[in-house]
Amino acid sequence: MDLVTELAILCLAAFVGFEVISKVPNTLHTPLMSGTNAIHGIVLLGGLLVIGPADGVINDVLLVIAIAFGTINVIGGFLVTDRMLAMFKGKKEGGGGGR
């Protein structure tokens, strides 16, 4: 494919992604984000597999940046998911002489 076609696909994908995400209600945002962590894990694995045979410094730098951003997104997603699940847990009652 030529560069113009690839840029057109990128722009259309960004537009469709923005429209889909903007329609998600706030109550579903966190569960949706936890579901996309699995997809980002696959993207992260793909980046790690591609960095081995990559040629050139520019490719290596771009792949390291992509892997770093993917890792940040996965870790942040799991932290948010853990925080969301903690909201649903009941409070532990203290073992003291409280009422």
N, C-alpha and C. Protein backbone atom coordinates (compact mmCIF):
# COMPACT_ATOMS: atom_id res chain seq x y z
N MET A 1 0.85 -1.18 0.00
CA MET A 1 0.00 0.00 0.00
C MET A 1 0.89 1.24 0.00
N ASP A 2 0.39 2.28 -0.58
CA ASP A 2 1.16 3.51 -0.58
C ASP A 2 0.86 4.32 0.68
N LEU A 3 1.63 5.33 0.90
CA LEU A 3 1.56 6.13 2.12
C LEU A 3 0.21 6.82 2.28
N VAL A 4 -0.37 7.31 1.19
CA VAL A 4 -1.65 8.03 1.27
C VAL A 4 -2.76 7.09 1.74
N THR A 5 -2.76 5.85 1.24
CA THR A 5 -3.77 4.88 1.65
C THR A 5 -3.61 4.52 3.12
N GLU A 6 -2.37 4.34 3.57
CA GLU A 6 -2.13 4.02 4.97
C GLU A 6 -2.55 5.16 5.89
N LEU A 7 -2.27 6.40 5.49
CA LEU A 7 -2.69 7.56 6.29
C LEU A 7 -4.21 7.69 6.32
N ALA A 8 -4.87 7.39 5.20
CA ALA A 8 -6.34 7.45 5.16
C ALA A 8 -6.94 6.40 6.11
N ILE A 9 -6.37 5.19 6.11
CA ILE A 9 -6.84 4.14 7.01
C ILE A 9 -6.62 4.55 8.46
N LEU A 10 -5.46 5.14 8.75
CA LEU A 10 -5.17 5.59 10.12
C LEU A 10 -6.16 6.66 10.57
N CYS A 11 -6.45 7.62 9.71
CA CYS A 11 -7.40 8.69 10.07
C CYS A 11 -8.81 8.14 10.27
N LEU A 12 -9.23 7.24 9.40
CA LEU A 12 -10.56 6.64 9.55
C LEU A 12 -10.65 5.80 10.82
N ALA A 13 -9.61 5.04 11.12
CA ALA A 13 -9.61 4.23 12.35
C ALA A 13 -9.64 5.12 13.59
N ALA A 14 -8.90 6.23 13.56
CA ALA A 14 -8.92 7.14 14.70
C ALA A 14 -10.31 7.76 14.87
N PHE A 15 -10.94 8.16 13.78
CA PHE A 15 -12.27 8.75 13.85
C PHE A 15 -13.30 7.75 14.38
N VAL A 16 -13.28 6.54 13.84
CA VAL A 16 -14.23 5.51 14.28
C VAL A 16 -13.98 5.16 15.75
N GLY A 17 -12.74 5.03 16.15
CA GLY A 17 -12.42 4.74 17.55
C GLY A 17 -12.91 5.83 18.48
N PHE A 18 -12.71 7.09 18.10
CA PHE A 18 -13.17 8.20 18.93
C PHE A 18 -14.69 8.19 19.05
N GLU A 19 -15.38 7.95 17.95
CA GLU A 19 -16.85 7.93 17.98
C GLU A 19 -17.38 6.78 18.83
N VAL A 20 -16.76 5.63 18.73
CA VAL A 20 -17.22 4.48 19.52
C VAL A 20 -16.98 4.72 21.01
N ILE A 21 -15.81 5.19 21.37
CA ILE A 21 -15.48 5.41 22.79
C ILE A 21 -16.31 6.54 23.38
N SER A 22 -16.60 7.56 22.60
CA SER A 22 -17.38 8.69 23.15
C SER A 22 -18.83 8.29 23.43
N LYS A 23 -19.31 7.22 22.83
CA LYS A 23 -20.69 6.77 23.06
C LYS A 23 -20.81 5.84 24.27
N VAL A 24 -19.70 5.44 24.87
CA VAL A 24 -19.74 4.51 26.00
C VAL A 24 -20.11 5.30 27.26
N PRO A 25 -21.14 4.86 28.01
CA PRO A 25 -21.50 5.56 29.24
C PRO A 25 -20.40 5.41 30.30
N ASN A 26 -20.37 6.35 31.22
CA ASN A 26 -19.34 6.35 32.26
C ASN A 26 -19.35 5.08 33.10
N THR A 27 -20.53 4.49 33.31
CA THR A 27 -20.60 3.29 34.15
C THR A 27 -19.95 2.09 33.48
N LEU A 28 -19.84 2.11 32.16
CA LEU A 28 -19.23 0.99 31.45
C LEU A 28 -17.78 1.22 31.07
N HIS A 29 -17.26 2.40 31.34
CA HIS A 29 -15.91 2.73 30.89
C HIS A 29 -14.86 1.84 31.55
N THR A 30 -14.94 1.65 32.86
CA THR A 30 -13.93 0.86 33.56
C THR A 30 -13.99 -0.61 33.19
N PRO A 31 -15.16 -1.25 33.12
CA PRO A 31 -15.15 -2.65 32.66
C PRO A 31 -14.66 -2.79 31.21
N LEU A 32 -14.97 -1.82 30.38
CA LEU A 32 -14.48 -1.86 29.00
C LEU A 32 -12.97 -1.74 28.98
N MET A 33 -12.44 -0.89 29.84
CA MET A 33 -11.00 -0.71 29.90
C MET A 33 -10.31 -1.97 30.40
N SER A 34 -10.92 -2.66 31.35
CA SER A 34 -10.30 -3.89 31.83
C SER A 34 -10.34 -4.97 30.76
N GLY A 35 -11.34 -4.94 29.91
CA GLY A 35 -11.39 -5.89 28.81
C GLY A 35 -10.34 -5.61 27.75
N THR A 36 -10.05 -4.35 27.52
CA THR A 36 -9.03 -4.01 26.53
C THR A 36 -7.62 -4.27 27.02
N ASN A 37 -7.45 -4.51 28.31
CA ASN A 37 -6.12 -4.85 28.81
C ASN A 37 -5.62 -6.14 28.17
N ALA A 38 -6.50 -7.08 27.94
CA ALA A 38 -6.09 -8.33 27.29
C ALA A 38 -5.61 -8.06 25.87
N ILE A 39 -6.32 -7.18 25.16
CA ILE A 39 -5.91 -6.84 23.80
C ILE A 39 -4.56 -6.13 23.82
N HIS A 40 -4.37 -5.23 24.78
CA HIS A 40 -3.09 -4.54 24.87
C HIS A 40 -1.96 -5.48 25.24
N GLY A 41 -2.27 -6.52 26.00
CA GLY A 41 -1.25 -7.53 26.30
C GLY A 41 -0.78 -8.22 25.04
N ILE A 42 -1.72 -8.48 24.11
CA ILE A 42 -1.35 -9.09 22.83
C ILE A 42 -0.50 -8.13 22.01
N VAL A 43 -0.87 -6.85 22.01
CA VAL A 43 -0.09 -5.85 21.29
C VAL A 43 1.31 -5.75 21.88
N LEU A 44 1.41 -5.81 23.19
CA LEU A 44 2.70 -5.76 23.86
C LEU A 44 3.57 -6.96 23.47
N LEU A 45 2.98 -8.14 23.45
CA LEU A 45 3.70 -9.33 23.04
C LEU A 45 4.16 -9.22 21.58
N GLY A 46 3.30 -8.68 20.73
CA GLY A 46 3.69 -8.47 19.33
C GLY A 46 4.86 -7.52 19.20
N GLY A 47 4.86 -6.45 19.99
CA GLY A 47 5.98 -5.51 19.97
C GLY A 47 7.27 -6.16 20.41
N LEU A 48 7.19 -7.01 21.42
CA LEU A 48 8.38 -7.71 21.89
C LEU A 48 8.90 -8.70 20.85
N LEU A 49 7.98 -9.34 20.12
CA LEU A 49 8.41 -10.27 19.07
C LEU A 49 9.02 -9.55 17.87
N VAL A 50 8.53 -8.36 17.56
CA VAL A 50 9.01 -7.62 16.39
C VAL A 50 10.34 -6.93 16.67
N ILE A 51 10.61 -6.59 17.92
CA ILE A 51 11.83 -5.84 18.21
C ILE A 51 13.09 -6.67 17.96
N GLY A 52 12.97 -8.00 18.03
CA GLY A 52 14.14 -8.85 17.78
C GLY A 52 14.68 -8.70 16.37
N PRO A 53 13.88 -8.95 15.35
CA PRO A 53 14.41 -8.85 13.98
C PRO A 53 14.39 -7.44 13.39
N ALA A 54 14.04 -6.42 14.17
CA ALA A 54 13.97 -5.06 13.64
C ALA A 54 15.36 -4.57 13.24
N ASP A 55 15.44 -3.88 12.11
CA ASP A 55 16.71 -3.34 11.62
C ASP A 55 16.69 -1.83 11.76
N GLY A 56 17.79 -1.28 12.24
CA GLY A 56 17.94 0.16 12.30
C GLY A 56 17.61 0.72 13.67
N VAL A 57 18.25 1.84 13.94
CA VAL A 57 18.09 2.49 15.25
C VAL A 57 16.70 3.10 15.37
N ILE A 58 16.18 3.68 14.30
CA ILE A 58 14.86 4.32 14.36
C ILE A 58 13.79 3.29 14.68
N ASN A 59 13.85 2.14 14.05
CA ASN A 59 12.87 1.08 14.34
C ASN A 59 12.96 0.63 15.79
N ASP A 60 14.19 0.48 16.28
CA ASP A 60 14.36 0.05 17.67
C ASP A 60 13.80 1.09 18.65
N VAL A 61 14.07 2.36 18.38
CA VAL A 61 13.60 3.43 19.27
C VAL A 61 12.07 3.49 19.26
N LEU A 62 11.48 3.42 18.07
CA LEU A 62 10.02 3.46 17.98
C LEU A 62 9.38 2.26 18.68
N LEU A 63 9.98 1.08 18.53
CA LEU A 63 9.43 -0.10 19.19
C LEU A 63 9.57 -0.02 20.70
N VAL A 64 10.69 0.50 21.18
CA VAL A 64 10.85 0.66 22.63
C VAL A 64 9.83 1.64 23.18
N ILE A 65 9.58 2.73 22.46
CA ILE A 65 8.57 3.70 22.90
C ILE A 65 7.19 3.06 22.90
N ALA A 66 6.87 2.30 21.84
CA ALA A 66 5.56 1.64 21.76
C ALA A 66 5.40 0.61 22.88
N ILE A 67 6.44 -0.14 23.17
CA ILE A 67 6.37 -1.14 24.24
C ILE A 67 6.23 -0.45 25.59
N ALA A 68 6.93 0.67 25.79
CA ALA A 68 6.81 1.40 27.06
C ALA A 68 5.39 1.94 27.24
N PHE A 69 4.83 2.55 26.20
CA PHE A 69 3.46 3.08 26.31
C PHE A 69 2.45 1.96 26.51
N GLY A 70 2.64 0.85 25.82
CA GLY A 70 1.74 -0.29 26.00
C GLY A 70 1.81 -0.83 27.42
N THR A 71 3.02 -0.90 27.97
CA THR A 71 3.19 -1.39 29.34
C THR A 71 2.53 -0.44 30.34
N ILE A 72 2.71 0.84 30.14
CA ILE A 72 2.06 1.83 31.02
C ILE A 72 0.55 1.68 30.96
N ASN A 73 0.01 1.48 29.77
CA ASN A 73 -1.44 1.35 29.62
C ASN A 73 -1.95 0.08 30.29
N VAL A 74 -1.24 -1.03 30.13
CA VAL A 74 -1.68 -2.29 30.74
C VAL A 74 -1.64 -2.18 32.26
N ILE A 75 -0.54 -1.67 32.81
CA ILE A 75 -0.41 -1.54 34.27
C ILE A 75 -1.46 -0.58 34.81
N GLY A 76 -1.65 0.56 34.14
CA GLY A 76 -2.67 1.51 34.58
C GLY A 76 -4.06 0.93 34.52
N GLY A 77 -4.34 0.16 33.48
CA GLY A 77 -5.65 -0.48 33.36
C GLY A 77 -5.90 -1.47 34.47
N PHE A 78 -4.89 -2.27 34.81
CA PHE A 78 -5.06 -3.22 35.89
C PHE A 78 -5.22 -2.52 37.24
N LEU A 79 -4.51 -1.41 37.44
CA LEU A 79 -4.66 -0.67 38.70
C LEU A 79 -6.07 -0.09 38.81
N VAL A 80 -6.58 0.45 37.72
CA VAL A 80 -7.94 1.00 37.75
C VAL A 80 -8.96 -0.10 37.97
N THR A 81 -8.76 -1.26 37.33
CA THR A 81 -9.67 -2.38 37.51
C THR A 81 -9.64 -2.88 38.95
N ASP A 82 -8.45 -2.96 39.53
CA ASP A 82 -8.34 -3.38 40.92
C ASP A 82 -9.05 -2.40 41.85
N ARG A 83 -8.90 -1.13 41.55
CA ARG A 83 -9.57 -0.10 42.35
C ARG A 83 -11.09 -0.21 42.22
N MET A 84 -11.56 -0.50 41.00
CA MET A 84 -12.99 -0.65 40.78
C MET A 84 -13.52 -1.87 41.55
N LEU A 85 -12.81 -2.98 41.50
CA LEU A 85 -13.25 -4.18 42.20
C LEU A 85 -13.21 -3.98 43.72
N ALA A 86 -12.29 -3.16 44.21
CA ALA A 86 -12.22 -2.89 45.65
C ALA A 86 -13.46 -2.13 46.13
N MET A 87 -14.08 -1.37 45.24
CA MET A 87 -15.29 -0.64 45.63
C MET A 87 -16.45 -1.59 45.91
N PHE A 88 -16.44 -2.76 45.27
CA PHE A 88 -17.53 -3.70 45.44
C PHE A 88 -17.34 -4.64 46.63
N LYS A 89 -16.15 -4.65 47.20
CA LYS A 89 -15.91 -5.49 48.37
C LYS A 89 -16.52 -4.80 49.60
N GLY A 90 -17.04 -5.61 50.50
CA GLY A 90 -17.58 -5.04 51.73
C GLY A 90 -16.47 -4.63 52.67
N LYS A 91 -16.76 -3.71 53.53
CA LYS A 91 -15.76 -3.29 54.50
C LYS A 91 -15.60 -4.38 55.54
N LYS A 92 -14.35 -4.63 55.89
CA LYS A 92 -14.08 -5.63 56.93
C LYS A 92 -14.40 -5.03 58.28
N GLU A 93 -15.05 -5.81 59.10
CA GLU A 93 -15.36 -5.32 60.43
C GLU A 93 -14.15 -5.48 61.32
N GLY A 94 -13.93 -4.50 62.14
CA GLY A 94 -12.78 -4.54 63.04
C GLY A 94 -12.94 -5.62 64.11
N GLY A 95 -11.82 -6.15 64.57
CA GLY A 95 -11.87 -7.20 65.57
C GLY A 95 -11.98 -6.66 67.00
N GLY A 96 -12.01 -5.35 67.14
CA GLY A 96 -12.03 -4.75 68.49
C GLY A 96 -13.42 -4.82 69.12
N GLY A 97 -13.60 -4.08 70.16
CA GLY A 97 -14.84 -4.09 70.91
C GLY A 97 -15.86 -3.13 70.37
N GLY A 98 -15.87 -2.89 69.07
CA GLY A 98 -16.84 -1.95 68.48
C GLY A 98 -18.24 -2.54 68.45
N ARG A 99 -19.20 -1.70 68.15
CA ARG A 99 -20.59 -2.15 68.12
C ARG A 99 -20.93 -2.89 66.90
